[in-house]
Amino acid sequence: MSAFLSAGFPSFRPRRLRQSPQLRGLVRETSLTPGQLILPLFVRPGKKLRRPVASLPGVFQLSPDEALREARRAVKSGIPGVLLFGIPGAKDEKASGAFARDGIVQQAVRLLKKELPQLIVITDVCLCEYMSHGHCGVVETSRGTILNDPSLELLAETALSHAEAGADVVAPSDMMDGRVRSIRKRLDENGFVDTVIMSYAAKYASAFYGPFREAAESAPRFGDRRSYQMDPANAEEALREVSLDIAEGADIVMVKPALAYLDILYRVKQQFGYPTAAYAVSGEYAMVKAAAAKGWVDERAVVMESLFSMRRAGADMIITYAAVEAAGWLKE
């Protein structure tokens, strides 16, 4: 061993640059700031309402005034935007609440943009929360088939109603074929040429969505969503989906879930070089919360490591239920 050392071996020692927090920071390859985080919020009718979601500790169904309160916290933390999901007072088979002028998301958008004009307000464009059957599109009742093309009209109308209310970004999450083109066309025809489309471009039929469906009250009443959300075994298909959405007019593309699909996130960013979002979904958040409550993991360390992995894989922005906490940790 002494012979190796006397000969100068090893000549390069990677550990030299790990000796102190200052050195590690100086050579850090991946950055993460509060300005790259987006906070999801669940809104429902009412006032002064904060209904806890059992499977998502720290997450609530909120009335618009309480959503404003959470949005103020986000802005104070340096978070630039929120993503709104609506829980209507009533559901039907036409998703009428999704595109109603006085719908719950539309109410929340108007309030948030009035009180916090600098906040980027993103709205989820889907039908599942508003459909009595819980699916993301129109259902042909005799066979229980989710119909693609008839659903596009409702999705476009929903996106337009969000833009009219003041949404900066509309985010179609339904996975119907052609929905980005239909939404872009409807927005442009009505003068909303500057409204951004953040497409859930590669959204998988994932088991990690369970807690979200409790929060959004959107579990399907029959069957599942595998006929329109992607097969977790497929990667090349994700690239085709993203390519189609870009061609149809998406301004930002998203990979969902994030942590179990980092390979997809990396390939999307590498192939397209397009603004790319990652959604750290409810199941990922819930598992960390549950393990931390048992004392099995360090919540802060696991959350931050996960978020850095998403950034490292190529995410320009990350939607996460831990956004406010993570923003605070980043400032310490």
C-alpha atoms as a PDB file:
ATOM      1  CA  MET A   1       0.000   0.000   0.000  1.00  0.00           C
ATOM      2  CA  SER A   2       2.868   2.395   0.844  1.00  0.00           C
ATOM      3  CA  ALA A   3       4.283   1.847  -2.625  1.00  0.00           C
ATOM      4  CA  PHE A   4       1.016   2.965  -4.177  1.00  0.00           C
ATOM      5  CA  LEU A   5       0.913   6.058  -1.959  1.00  0.00           C
ATOM      6  CA  SER A   6       4.510   7.005  -2.696  1.00  0.00           C
ATOM      7  CA  ALA A   7       3.728   6.795  -6.393  1.00  0.00           C
ATOM      8  CA  GLY A   8       0.897   9.266  -5.912  1.00  0.00           C
ATOM      9  CA  PHE A   9      -1.897   6.704  -6.052  1.00  0.00           C
ATOM     10  CA  PRO A  10      -4.719   7.587  -6.172  1.00  0.00           C
ATOM     11  CA  SER A  11      -4.019  10.816  -8.031  1.00  0.00           C
ATOM     12  CA  PHE A  12      -7.666  11.864  -7.956  1.00  0.00           C
ATOM     13  CA  ARG A  13      -9.611  11.563  -4.733  1.00  0.00           C
ATOM     14  CA  PRO A  14     -13.327  12.362  -5.135  1.00  0.00           C
ATOM     15  CA  ARG A  15     -13.638  12.631  -1.353  1.00  0.00           C
ATOM     16  CA  ARG A  16     -11.583  15.842  -1.412  1.00  0.00           C
ATOM     17  CA  LEU A  17     -14.703  17.676  -2.602  1.00  0.00           C
ATOM     18  CA  ARG A  18     -16.934  16.174   0.101  1.00  0.00           C
ATOM     19  CA  GLN A  19     -15.065  17.422   3.142  1.00  0.00           C
ATOM     20  CA  SER A  20     -17.446  20.220   4.181  1.00  0.00           C
ATOM     21  CA  PRO A  21     -20.963  21.499   3.458  1.00  0.00           C
ATOM     22  CA  GLN A  22     -19.403  24.488   1.700  1.00  0.00           C
ATOM     23  CA  LEU A  23     -17.337  22.334  -0.659  1.00  0.00           C
ATOM     24  CA  ARG A  24     -20.243  20.003  -1.340  1.00  0.00           C
ATOM     25  CA  GLY A  25     -22.422  22.979  -2.167  1.00  0.00           C
ATOM     26  CA  LEU A  26     -19.794  24.448  -4.453  1.00  0.00           C
ATOM     27  CA  VAL A  27     -19.704  21.364  -6.694  1.00  0.00           C
ATOM     28  CA  ARG A  28     -23.366  20.368  -6.415  1.00  0.00           C
ATOM     29  CA  GLU A  29     -24.703  19.468  -9.854  1.00  0.00           C
ATOM     30  CA  THR A  30     -28.449  19.732  -9.224  1.00  0.00           C
ATOM     31  CA  SER A  31     -30.280  22.667  -7.690  1.00  0.00           C
ATOM     32  CA  LEU A  32     -33.679  22.774  -6.017  1.00  0.00           C
ATOM     33  CA  THR A  33     -35.487  25.963  -5.047  1.00  0.00           C
ATOM     34  CA  PRO A  34     -38.978  26.789  -3.749  1.00  0.00           C
ATOM     35  CA  GLY A  35     -39.596  28.423  -7.129  1.00  0.00           C
ATOM     36  CA  GLN A  36     -39.597  24.986  -8.753  1.00  0.00           C
ATOM     37  CA  LEU A  37     -42.395  23.601  -6.537  1.00  0.00           C
ATOM     38  CA  ILE A  38     -46.167  23.572  -7.056  1.00  0.00           C
ATOM     39  CA  LEU A  39     -48.680  22.921  -4.250  1.00  0.00           C
ATOM     40  CA  PRO A  40     -51.830  20.875  -4.992  1.00  0.00           C
ATOM     41  CA  LEU A  41     -55.025  22.047  -3.290  1.00  0.00           C
ATOM     42  CA  PHE A  42     -58.435  20.347  -3.045  1.00  0.00           C
ATOM     43  CA  VAL A  43     -61.375  22.762  -3.027  1.00  0.00           C
ATOM     44  CA  ARG A  44     -64.996  22.113  -2.173  1.00  0.00           C
ATOM     45  CA  PRO A  45     -68.061  24.312  -1.506  1.00  0.00           C
ATOM     46  CA  GLY A  46     -68.422  25.999   1.865  1.00  0.00           C
ATOM     47  CA  LYS A  47     -66.797  28.555   4.146  1.00  0.00           C
ATOM     48  CA  LYS A  48     -64.137  28.115   6.810  1.00  0.00           C
ATOM     49  CA  LEU A  49     -64.001  24.450   5.874  1.00  0.00           C
ATOM     50  CA  ARG A  50     -60.872  22.342   6.424  1.00  0.00           C
ATOM     51  CA  ARG A  51     -61.729  18.664   6.142  1.00  0.00           C
ATOM     52  CA  PRO A  52     -58.688  16.441   6.799  1.00  0.00           C
ATOM     53  CA  VAL A  53     -57.845  13.649   4.376  1.00  0.00           C
ATOM     54  CA  ALA A  54     -57.136  10.589   6.527  1.00  0.00           C
ATOM     55  CA  SER A  55     -54.638   8.988   4.171  1.00  0.00           C
ATOM     56  CA  LEU A  56     -52.764  12.261   3.527  1.00  0.00           C
ATOM     57  CA  PRO A  57     -51.690  13.758   6.860  1.00  0.00           C
ATOM     58  CA  GLY A  58     -51.508  17.534   6.585  1.00  0.00           C
ATOM     59  CA  VAL A  59     -53.700  17.660   3.468  1.00  0.00           C
ATOM     60  CA  PHE A  60     -57.278  18.981   3.586  1.00  0.00           C
ATOM     61  CA  GLN A  61     -60.350  19.477   1.474  1.00  0.00           C
ATOM     62  CA  LEU A  62     -60.707  23.263   1.632  1.00  0.00           C
ATOM     63  CA  SER A  63     -63.406  25.838   1.039  1.00  0.00           C
ATOM     64  CA  PRO A  64     -62.215  28.642  -1.281  1.00  0.00           C
ATOM     65  CA  ASP A  65     -61.443  30.993   1.615  1.00  0.00           C
ATOM     66  CA  GLU A  66     -59.292  28.331   3.262  1.00  0.00           C
ATOM     67  CA  ALA A  67     -57.626  27.549  -0.073  1.00  0.00           C
ATOM     68  CA  LEU A  68     -56.705  31.236  -0.219  1.00  0.00           C
ATOM     69  CA  ARG A  69     -55.168  30.901   3.232  1.00  0.00           C
ATOM     70  CA  GLU A  70     -53.030  27.958   2.054  1.00  0.00           C
ATOM     71  CA  ALA A  71     -52.084  29.792  -1.120  1.00  0.00           C
ATOM     72  CA  ARG A  72     -50.871  32.746   0.942  1.00  0.00           C
ATOM     73  CA  ARG A  73     -48.640  30.375   2.927  1.00  0.00           C
ATOM     74  CA  ALA A  74     -47.279  29.005  -0.323  1.00  0.00           C
ATOM     75  CA  VAL A  75     -46.500  32.450  -1.708  1.00  0.00           C
ATOM     76  CA  LYS A  76     -44.810  33.443   1.550  1.00  0.00           C
ATOM     77  CA  SER A  77     -42.680  30.296   1.256  1.00  0.00           C
ATOM     78  CA  GLY A  78     -41.551  31.259  -2.251  1.00  0.00           C
ATOM     79  CA  ILE A  79     -43.764  28.769  -4.081  1.00  0.00           C
ATOM     80  CA  PRO A  80     -44.974  30.318  -7.352  1.00  0.00           C
ATOM     81  CA  GLY A  81     -48.077  28.249  -8.088  1.00  0.00           C
ATOM     82  CA  VAL A  82     -50.884  25.998  -6.930  1.00  0.00           C
ATOM     83  CA  LEU A  83     -52.750  23.212  -8.721  1.00  0.00           C
ATOM     84  CA  LEU A  84     -56.492  23.118  -8.013  1.00  0.00           C
ATOM     85  CA  PHE A  85     -58.698  20.022  -7.872  1.00  0.00           C
ATOM     86  CA  GLY A  86     -62.436  20.461  -7.418  1.00  0.00           C
ATOM     87  CA  ILE A  87     -64.936  18.475  -5.368  1.00  0.00           C
ATOM     88  CA  PRO A  88     -68.425  19.560  -6.460  1.00  0.00           C
ATOM     89  CA  GLY A  89     -71.550  19.650  -4.340  1.00  0.00           C
ATOM     90  CA  ALA A  90     -73.318  17.316  -6.776  1.00  0.00           C
ATOM     91  CA  LYS A  91     -72.289  14.918  -9.553  1.00  0.00           C
ATOM     92  CA  ASP A  92     -74.036  13.685 -12.689  1.00  0.00           C
ATOM     93  CA  GLU A  93     -73.286  11.679 -15.841  1.00  0.00           C
ATOM     94  CA  LYS A  94     -72.446  14.801 -17.846  1.00  0.00           C
ATOM     95  CA  ALA A  95     -69.861  16.289 -15.452  1.00  0.00           C
ATOM     96  CA  SER A  96     -71.910  19.491 -15.404  1.00  0.00           C
ATOM     97  CA  GLY A  97     -70.033  20.861 -12.414  1.00  0.00           C
ATOM     98  CA  ALA A  98     -66.737  20.701 -14.269  1.00  0.00           C
ATOM     99  CA  PHE A  99     -67.590  23.526 -16.649  1.00  0.00           C
ATOM    100  CA  ALA A 100     -70.267  25.428 -14.680  1.00  0.00           C
ATOM    101  CA  ARG A 101     -69.513  29.146 -14.445  1.00  0.00           C
ATOM    102  CA  ASP A 102     -70.079  28.998 -10.689  1.00  0.00           C
ATOM    103  CA  GLY A 103     -68.331  25.646 -10.275  1.00  0.00           C
ATOM    104  CA  ILE A 104     -66.098  25.178  -7.280  1.00  0.00           C
ATOM    105  CA  VAL A 105     -62.809  25.435  -9.204  1.00  0.00           C
ATOM    106  CA  GLN A 106     -64.048  28.501 -11.067  1.00  0.00           C
ATOM    107  CA  GLN A 107     -64.971  30.156  -7.737  1.00  0.00           C
ATOM    108  CA  ALA A 108     -61.587  29.361  -6.267  1.00  0.00           C
ATOM    109  CA  VAL A 109     -59.721  30.626  -9.329  1.00  0.00           C
ATOM    110  CA  ARG A 110     -61.501  33.965  -9.256  1.00  0.00           C
ATOM    111  CA  LEU A 111     -60.803  34.422  -5.556  1.00  0.00           C
ATOM    112  CA  LEU A 112     -57.138  33.458  -5.801  1.00  0.00           C
ATOM    113  CA  LYS A 113     -56.436  35.676  -8.809  1.00  0.00           C
ATOM    114  CA  LYS A 114     -58.222  38.602  -7.144  1.00  0.00           C
ATOM    115  CA  GLU A 115     -56.320  38.324  -3.871  1.00  0.00           C
ATOM    116  CA  LEU A 116     -53.001  36.942  -5.146  1.00  0.00           C
ATOM    117  CA  PRO A 117     -52.627  38.136  -8.744  1.00  0.00           C
ATOM    118  CA  GLN A 118     -48.969  37.102  -8.823  1.00  0.00           C
ATOM    119  CA  LEU A 119     -49.816  33.482  -7.992  1.00  0.00           C
ATOM    120  CA  ILE A 120     -49.732  31.024 -10.905  1.00  0.00           C
ATOM    121  CA  VAL A 121     -53.085  29.268 -10.733  1.00  0.00           C
ATOM    122  CA  ILE A 122     -53.127  25.889 -12.468  1.00  0.00           C
ATOM    123  CA  THR A 123     -56.360  23.927 -12.796  1.00  0.00           C
ATOM    124  CA  ASP A 124     -56.745  20.212 -13.226  1.00  0.00           C
ATOM    125  CA  VAL A 125     -58.933  19.554 -16.270  1.00  0.00           C
ATOM    126  CA  CYS A 126     -60.640  16.221 -15.826  1.00  0.00           C
ATOM    127  CA  LEU A 127     -64.153  14.902 -15.414  1.00  0.00           C
ATOM    128  CA  CYS A 128     -63.767  12.128 -12.840  1.00  0.00           C
ATOM    129  CA  GLU A 129     -64.539  14.283  -9.775  1.00  0.00           C
ATOM    130  CA  TYR A 130     -67.722  15.529 -11.438  1.00  0.00           C
ATOM    131  CA  MET A 131     -69.019  12.294 -12.957  1.00  0.00           C
ATOM    132  CA  SER A 132     -71.408  10.170 -10.894  1.00  0.00           C
ATOM    133  CA  HIS A 133     -69.566   7.060 -12.128  1.00  0.00           C
ATOM    134  CA  GLY A 134     -66.109   8.465 -11.330  1.00  0.00           C
ATOM    135  CA  HIS A 135     -64.518   7.938 -14.736  1.00  0.00           C
ATOM    136  CA  CYS A 136     -62.533  10.539 -16.681  1.00  0.00           C
ATOM    137  CA  GLY A 137     -64.809  10.520 -19.709  1.00  0.00           C
ATOM    138  CA  VAL A 138     -68.293   9.911 -21.024  1.00  0.00           C
ATOM    139  CA  VAL A 139     -69.470   6.333 -20.460  1.00  0.00           C
ATOM    140  CA  GLU A 140     -71.459   4.218 -22.890  1.00  0.00           C
ATOM    141  CA  THR A 141     -73.711   2.698 -20.247  1.00  0.00           C
ATOM    142  CA  SER A 142     -74.710  -0.573 -21.897  1.00  0.00           C
ATOM    143  CA  ARG A 143     -71.109  -1.749 -22.174  1.00  0.00           C
ATOM    144  CA  GLY A 144     -69.435   0.453 -19.584  1.00  0.00           C
ATOM    145  CA  THR A 145     -67.017   1.754 -22.224  1.00  0.00           C
ATOM    146  CA  ILE A 146     -65.327   5.121 -21.769  1.00  0.00           C
ATOM    147  CA  LEU A 147     -65.904   7.052 -24.984  1.00  0.00           C
ATOM    148  CA  ASN A 148     -62.995   9.128 -26.212  1.00  0.00           C
ATOM    149  CA  ASP A 149     -64.313  11.639 -28.727  1.00  0.00           C
ATOM    150  CA  PRO A 150     -67.530  12.667 -26.928  1.00  0.00           C
ATOM    151  CA  SER A 151     -65.383  13.378 -23.878  1.00  0.00           C
ATOM    152  CA  LEU A 152     -63.239  15.895 -25.750  1.00  0.00           C
ATOM    153  CA  GLU A 153     -66.067  18.420 -26.001  1.00  0.00           C
ATOM    154  CA  LEU A 154     -66.606  18.380 -22.233  1.00  0.00           C
ATOM    155  CA  LEU A 155     -62.885  18.670 -21.523  1.00  0.00           C
ATOM    156  CA  ALA A 156     -62.498  21.625 -23.890  1.00  0.00           C
ATOM    157  CA  GLU A 157     -65.510  23.332 -22.322  1.00  0.00           C
ATOM    158  CA  THR A 158     -64.066  22.764 -18.851  1.00  0.00           C
ATOM    159  CA  ALA A 159     -60.684  24.207 -19.819  1.00  0.00           C
ATOM    160  CA  LEU A 160     -62.377  27.252 -21.360  1.00  0.00           C
ATOM    161  CA  SER A 161     -64.413  27.863 -18.202  1.00  0.00           C
ATOM    162  CA  HIS A 162     -61.224  27.761 -16.128  1.00  0.00           C
ATOM    163  CA  ALA A 163     -59.512  30.224 -18.455  1.00  0.00           C
ATOM    164  CA  GLU A 164     -62.529  32.530 -18.307  1.00  0.00           C
ATOM    165  CA  ALA A 165     -62.320  32.451 -14.511  1.00  0.00           C
ATOM    166  CA  GLY A 166     -58.689  33.554 -14.712  1.00  0.00           C
ATOM    167  CA  ALA A 167     -56.584  30.365 -14.660  1.00  0.00           C
ATOM    168  CA  ASP A 168     -53.047  30.887 -15.906  1.00  0.00           C
ATOM    169  CA  VAL A 169     -52.513  27.210 -16.767  1.00  0.00           C
ATOM    170  CA  VAL A 170     -54.942  24.405 -17.574  1.00  0.00           C
ATOM    171  CA  ALA A 171     -53.751  20.857 -16.972  1.00  0.00           C
ATOM    172  CA  PRO A 172     -55.669  18.071 -18.731  1.00  0.00           C
ATOM    173  CA  SER A 173     -55.190  14.822 -16.778  1.00  0.00           C
ATOM    174  CA  ASP A 174     -57.807  12.577 -18.393  1.00  0.00           C
ATOM    175  CA  MET A 175     -55.606  10.798 -20.965  1.00  0.00           C
ATOM    176  CA  MET A 176     -58.207  10.928 -23.725  1.00  0.00           C
ATOM    177  CA  ASP A 177     -56.598  10.917 -27.167  1.00  0.00           C
ATOM    178  CA  GLY A 178     -56.595  14.342 -28.821  1.00  0.00           C
ATOM    179  CA  ARG A 179     -57.630  16.344 -25.789  1.00  0.00           C
ATOM    180  CA  VAL A 180     -54.710  18.790 -25.993  1.00  0.00           C
ATOM    181  CA  ARG A 181     -55.617  19.733 -29.559  1.00  0.00           C
ATOM    182  CA  SER A 182     -59.301  20.137 -28.646  1.00  0.00           C
ATOM    183  CA  ILE A 183     -58.463  22.332 -25.664  1.00  0.00           C
ATOM    184  CA  ARG A 184     -55.954  24.470 -27.566  1.00  0.00           C
ATOM    185  CA  LYS A 185     -58.447  25.024 -30.363  1.00  0.00           C
ATOM    186  CA  ARG A 186     -61.246  26.023 -27.971  1.00  0.00           C
ATOM    187  CA  LEU A 187     -59.017  28.379 -26.018  1.00  0.00           C
ATOM    188  CA  ASP A 188     -57.644  30.061 -29.126  1.00  0.00           C
ATOM    189  CA  GLU A 189     -61.081  30.477 -30.703  1.00  0.00           C
ATOM    190  CA  ASN A 190     -62.204  32.331 -27.583  1.00  0.00           C
ATOM    191  CA  GLY A 191     -59.220  34.636 -27.292  1.00  0.00           C
ATOM    192  CA  PHE A 192     -57.228  32.734 -24.664  1.00  0.00           C
ATOM    193  CA  VAL A 193     -54.159  32.297 -26.827  1.00  0.00           C
ATOM    194  CA  ASP A 194     -51.865  32.976 -23.860  1.00  0.00           C
ATOM    195  CA  THR A 195     -53.378  30.373 -21.540  1.00  0.00           C
ATOM    196  CA  VAL A 196     -50.756  27.697 -20.923  1.00  0.00           C
ATOM    197  CA  ILE A 197     -51.491  23.984 -21.299  1.00  0.00           C
ATOM    198  CA  MET A 198     -49.651  21.682 -18.912  1.00  0.00           C
ATOM    199  CA  SER A 199     -50.450  18.228 -20.220  1.00  0.00           C
ATOM    200  CA  TYR A 200     -50.397  15.084 -18.113  1.00  0.00           C
ATOM    201  CA  ALA A 201     -48.643  13.587 -21.108  1.00  0.00           C
ATOM    202  CA  ALA A 202     -47.374  10.319 -19.618  1.00  0.00           C
ATOM    203  CA  LYS A 203     -49.843   9.385 -16.892  1.00  0.00           C
ATOM    204  CA  TYR A 204     -49.706   5.800 -15.781  1.00  0.00           C
ATOM    205  CA  ALA A 205     -52.471   3.578 -14.376  1.00  0.00           C
ATOM    206  CA  SER A 206     -50.719   3.551 -11.032  1.00  0.00           C
ATOM    207  CA  ALA A 207     -51.429   1.994  -7.655  1.00  0.00           C
ATOM    208  CA  PHE A 208     -49.879   5.106  -6.094  1.00  0.00           C
ATOM    209  CA  TYR A 209     -53.055   7.174  -6.616  1.00  0.00           C
ATOM    210  CA  GLY A 210     -55.131   5.669  -3.803  1.00  0.00           C
ATOM    211  CA  PRO A 211     -54.940   8.525  -1.274  1.00  0.00           C
ATOM    212  CA  PHE A 212     -55.644  11.094  -3.995  1.00  0.00           C
ATOM    213  CA  ARG A 213     -58.897   9.380  -4.854  1.00  0.00           C
ATOM    214  CA  GLU A 214     -59.973   9.742  -1.247  1.00  0.00           C
ATOM    215  CA  ALA A 215     -59.019  13.427  -1.264  1.00  0.00           C
ATOM    216  CA  ALA A 216     -60.744  14.171  -4.583  1.00  0.00           C
ATOM    217  CA  GLU A 217     -63.623  11.722  -4.016  1.00  0.00           C
ATOM    218  CA  SER A 218     -62.947  10.433  -7.514  1.00  0.00           C
ATOM    219  CA  ALA A 219     -62.668   6.646  -7.294  1.00  0.00           C
ATOM    220  CA  PRO A 220     -64.448   4.948 -10.235  1.00  0.00           C
ATOM    221  CA  ARG A 221     -67.706   3.214  -9.331  1.00  0.00           C
ATOM    222  CA  PHE A 222     -66.940   0.307 -11.659  1.00  0.00           C
ATOM    223  CA  GLY A 223     -63.915  -1.109 -13.445  1.00  0.00           C
ATOM    224  CA  ASP A 224     -60.639   0.784 -13.526  1.00  0.00           C
ATOM    225  CA  ARG A 225     -58.810   3.329 -15.676  1.00  0.00           C
ATOM    226  CA  ARG A 226     -56.474   1.006 -17.517  1.00  0.00           C
ATOM    227  CA  SER A 227     -58.227   1.511 -20.847  1.00  0.00           C
ATOM    228  CA  TYR A 228     -57.065   5.130 -20.935  1.00  0.00           C
ATOM    229  CA  GLN A 229     -54.180   5.545 -18.471  1.00  0.00           C
ATOM    230  CA  MET A 230     -50.854   3.975 -19.438  1.00  0.00           C
ATOM    231  CA  ASP A 231     -49.596   0.478 -18.695  1.00  0.00           C
ATOM    232  CA  PRO A 232     -46.774   0.735 -16.089  1.00  0.00           C
ATOM    233  CA  ALA A 233     -44.729  -1.750 -18.142  1.00  0.00           C
ATOM    234  CA  ASN A 234     -44.414   0.615 -21.128  1.00  0.00           C
ATOM    235  CA  ALA A 235     -41.730   3.215 -21.787  1.00  0.00           C
ATOM    236  CA  GLU A 236     -41.631   3.749 -25.567  1.00  0.00           C
ATOM    237  CA  GLU A 237     -45.362   4.428 -25.463  1.00  0.00           C
ATOM    238  CA  ALA A 238     -44.722   7.293 -23.051  1.00  0.00           C
ATOM    239  CA  LEU A 239     -42.450   8.942 -25.582  1.00  0.00           C
ATOM    240  CA  ARG A 240     -45.133   8.616 -28.251  1.00  0.00           C
ATOM    241  CA  GLU A 241     -47.715  10.146 -25.896  1.00  0.00           C
ATOM    242  CA  VAL A 242     -45.450  13.088 -25.104  1.00  0.00           C
ATOM    243  CA  SER A 243     -44.655  13.629 -28.783  1.00  0.00           C
ATOM    244  CA  LEU A 244     -48.356  13.734 -29.639  1.00  0.00           C
ATOM    245  CA  ASP A 245     -49.149  16.243 -26.897  1.00  0.00           C
ATOM    246  CA  ILE A 246     -46.324  18.532 -27.968  1.00  0.00           C
ATOM    247  CA  ALA A 247     -47.544  18.377 -31.560  1.00  0.00           C
ATOM    248  CA  GLU A 248     -51.074  19.200 -30.401  1.00  0.00           C
ATOM    249  CA  GLY A 249     -49.971  22.339 -28.552  1.00  0.00           C
ATOM    250  CA  ALA A 250     -48.907  21.449 -25.022  1.00  0.00           C
ATOM    251  CA  ASP A 251     -46.604  24.047 -23.463  1.00  0.00           C
ATOM    252  CA  ILE A 252     -45.469  21.849 -20.554  1.00  0.00           C
ATOM    253  CA  VAL A 253     -45.515  18.055 -20.389  1.00  0.00           C
ATOM    254  CA  MET A 254     -45.825  16.011 -17.226  1.00  0.00           C
ATOM    255  CA  VAL A 255     -44.805  12.562 -16.051  1.00  0.00           C
ATOM    256  CA  LYS A 256     -47.023  11.037 -13.356  1.00  0.00           C
ATOM    257  CA  PRO A 257     -46.183   9.422 -10.960  1.00  0.00           C
ATOM    258  CA  ALA A 258     -42.679  10.773 -10.462  1.00  0.00           C
ATOM    259  CA  LEU A 259     -40.613   8.604  -8.145  1.00  0.00           C
ATOM    260  CA  ALA A 260     -41.466   5.195  -9.622  1.00  0.00           C
ATOM    261  CA  TYR A 261     -41.037   6.576 -13.167  1.00  0.00           C
ATOM    262  CA  LEU A 262     -37.752   8.477 -12.991  1.00  0.00           C
ATOM    263  CA  ASP A 263     -36.542   6.575 -16.042  1.00  0.00           C
ATOM    264  CA  ILE A 264     -39.483   7.944 -18.036  1.00  0.00           C
ATOM    265  CA  LEU A 265     -38.865  11.442 -16.721  1.00  0.00           C
ATOM    266  CA  TYR A 266     -35.216  11.235 -17.772  1.00  0.00           C
ATOM    267  CA  ARG A 267     -36.016   9.940 -21.241  1.00  0.00           C
ATOM    268  CA  VAL A 268     -38.716  12.564 -21.840  1.00  0.00           C
ATOM    269  CA  LYS A 269     -36.391  15.399 -20.895  1.00  0.00           C
ATOM    270  CA  GLN A 270     -33.481  13.988 -22.872  1.00  0.00           C
ATOM    271  CA  GLN A 271     -35.485  13.319 -26.023  1.00  0.00           C
ATOM    272  CA  PHE A 272     -37.630  16.445 -26.192  1.00  0.00           C
ATOM    273  CA  GLY A 273     -35.826  19.090 -24.117  1.00  0.00           C
ATOM    274  CA  TYR A 274     -39.290  20.464 -23.360  1.00  0.00           C
ATOM    275  CA  PRO A 275     -40.496  22.127 -20.126  1.00  0.00           C
ATOM    276  CA  THR A 276     -41.192  19.057 -18.007  1.00  0.00           C
ATOM    277  CA  ALA A 277     -43.166  18.602 -14.800  1.00  0.00           C
ATOM    278  CA  ALA A 278     -43.115  15.689 -12.384  1.00  0.00           C
ATOM    279  CA  TYR A 279     -45.971  14.865 -10.019  1.00  0.00           C
ATOM    280  CA  ALA A 280     -44.871  13.445  -6.663  1.00  0.00           C
ATOM    281  CA  VAL A 281     -48.177  11.688  -6.143  1.00  0.00           C
ATOM    282  CA  SER A 282     -50.281  10.964  -3.090  1.00  0.00           C
ATOM    283  CA  GLY A 283     -49.093   7.409  -2.522  1.00  0.00           C
ATOM    284  CA  GLU A 284     -45.471   8.534  -2.468  1.00  0.00           C
ATOM    285  CA  TYR A 285     -46.288  11.250   0.050  1.00  0.00           C
ATOM    286  CA  ALA A 286     -48.466   8.983   2.207  1.00  0.00           C
ATOM    287  CA  MET A 287     -45.836   6.253   2.451  1.00  0.00           C
ATOM    288  CA  VAL A 288     -43.204   8.684   3.684  1.00  0.00           C
ATOM    289  CA  LYS A 289     -45.638  10.178   6.200  1.00  0.00           C
ATOM    290  CA  ALA A 290     -46.610   6.739   7.498  1.00  0.00           C
ATOM    291  CA  ALA A 291     -43.013   5.549   7.820  1.00  0.00           C
ATOM    292  CA  ALA A 292     -41.949   8.791   9.481  1.00  0.00           C
ATOM    293  CA  ALA A 293     -44.795   8.527  11.988  1.00  0.00           C
ATOM    294  CA  LYS A 294     -43.431   5.096  12.958  1.00  0.00           C
ATOM    295  CA  GLY A 295     -39.946   6.486  13.316  1.00  0.00           C
ATOM    296  CA  TRP A 296     -38.675   4.287  10.496  1.00  0.00           C
ATOM    297  CA  VAL A 297     -37.393   7.100   8.258  1.00  0.00           C
ATOM    298  CA  ASP A 298     -36.321  10.712   8.590  1.00  0.00           C
ATOM    299  CA  GLU A 299     -39.165  12.517   6.804  1.00  0.00           C
ATOM    300  CA  ARG A 300     -37.190  15.611   5.879  1.00  0.00           C
ATOM    301  CA  ALA A 301     -34.239  13.627   4.540  1.00  0.00           C
ATOM    302  CA  VAL A 302     -36.414  11.265   2.491  1.00  0.00           C
ATOM    303  CA  VAL A 303     -38.566  14.048   1.031  1.00  0.00           C
ATOM    304  CA  MET A 304     -35.572  16.119   0.018  1.00  0.00           C
ATOM    305  CA  GLU A 305     -33.722  13.140  -1.450  1.00  0.00           C
ATOM    306  CA  SER A 306     -36.819  12.244  -3.466  1.00  0.00           C
ATOM    307  CA  LEU A 307     -37.265  15.771  -4.782  1.00  0.00           C
ATOM    308  CA  PHE A 308     -33.614  15.993  -5.780  1.00  0.00           C
ATOM    309  CA  SER A 309     -33.955  12.688  -7.632  1.00  0.00           C
ATOM    310  CA  MET A 310     -36.804  14.160  -9.683  1.00  0.00           C
ATOM    311  CA  ARG A 311     -34.818  17.262 -10.484  1.00  0.00           C
ATOM    312  CA  ARG A 312     -31.774  15.152 -11.336  1.00  0.00           C
ATOM    313  CA  ALA A 313     -33.870  13.042 -13.714  1.00  0.00           C
ATOM    314  CA  GLY A 314     -34.992  16.147 -15.601  1.00  0.00           C
ATOM    315  CA  ALA A 315     -37.989  17.759 -13.904  1.00  0.00           C
ATOM    316  CA  ASP A 316     -38.110  21.537 -14.298  1.00  0.00           C
ATOM    317  CA  MET A 317     -40.967  21.749 -11.812  1.00  0.00           C
ATOM    318  CA  ILE A 318     -42.369  19.375  -9.210  1.00  0.00           C
ATOM    319  CA  ILE A 319     -45.944  19.104  -7.969  1.00  0.00           C
ATOM    320  CA  THR A 320     -45.785  17.902  -4.380  1.00  0.00           C
ATOM    321  CA  TYR A 321     -47.991  17.848  -1.290  1.00  0.00           C
ATOM    322  CA  ALA A 322     -44.838  18.580   0.706  1.00  0.00           C
ATOM    323  CA  ALA A 323     -44.161  21.819  -1.178  1.00  0.00           C
ATOM    324  CA  VAL A 324     -44.514  24.217   1.777  1.00  0.00           C
ATOM    325  CA  GLU A 325     -42.475  22.029   4.119  1.00  0.00           C
ATOM    326  CA  ALA A 326     -39.783  21.482   1.493  1.00  0.00           C
ATOM    327  CA  ALA A 327     -39.621  25.207   0.742  1.00  0.00           C
ATOM    328  CA  GLY A 328     -39.033  25.873   4.421  1.00  0.00           C
ATOM    329  CA  TRP A 329     -36.289  23.244   4.627  1.00  0.00           C
ATOM    330  CA  LEU A 330     -34.565  24.699   1.585  1.00  0.00           C
ATOM    331  CA  LYS A 331     -34.341  28.078   3.298  1.00  0.00           C
ATOM    332  CA  GLU A 332     -32.713  26.744   6.466  1.00  0.00           C
END
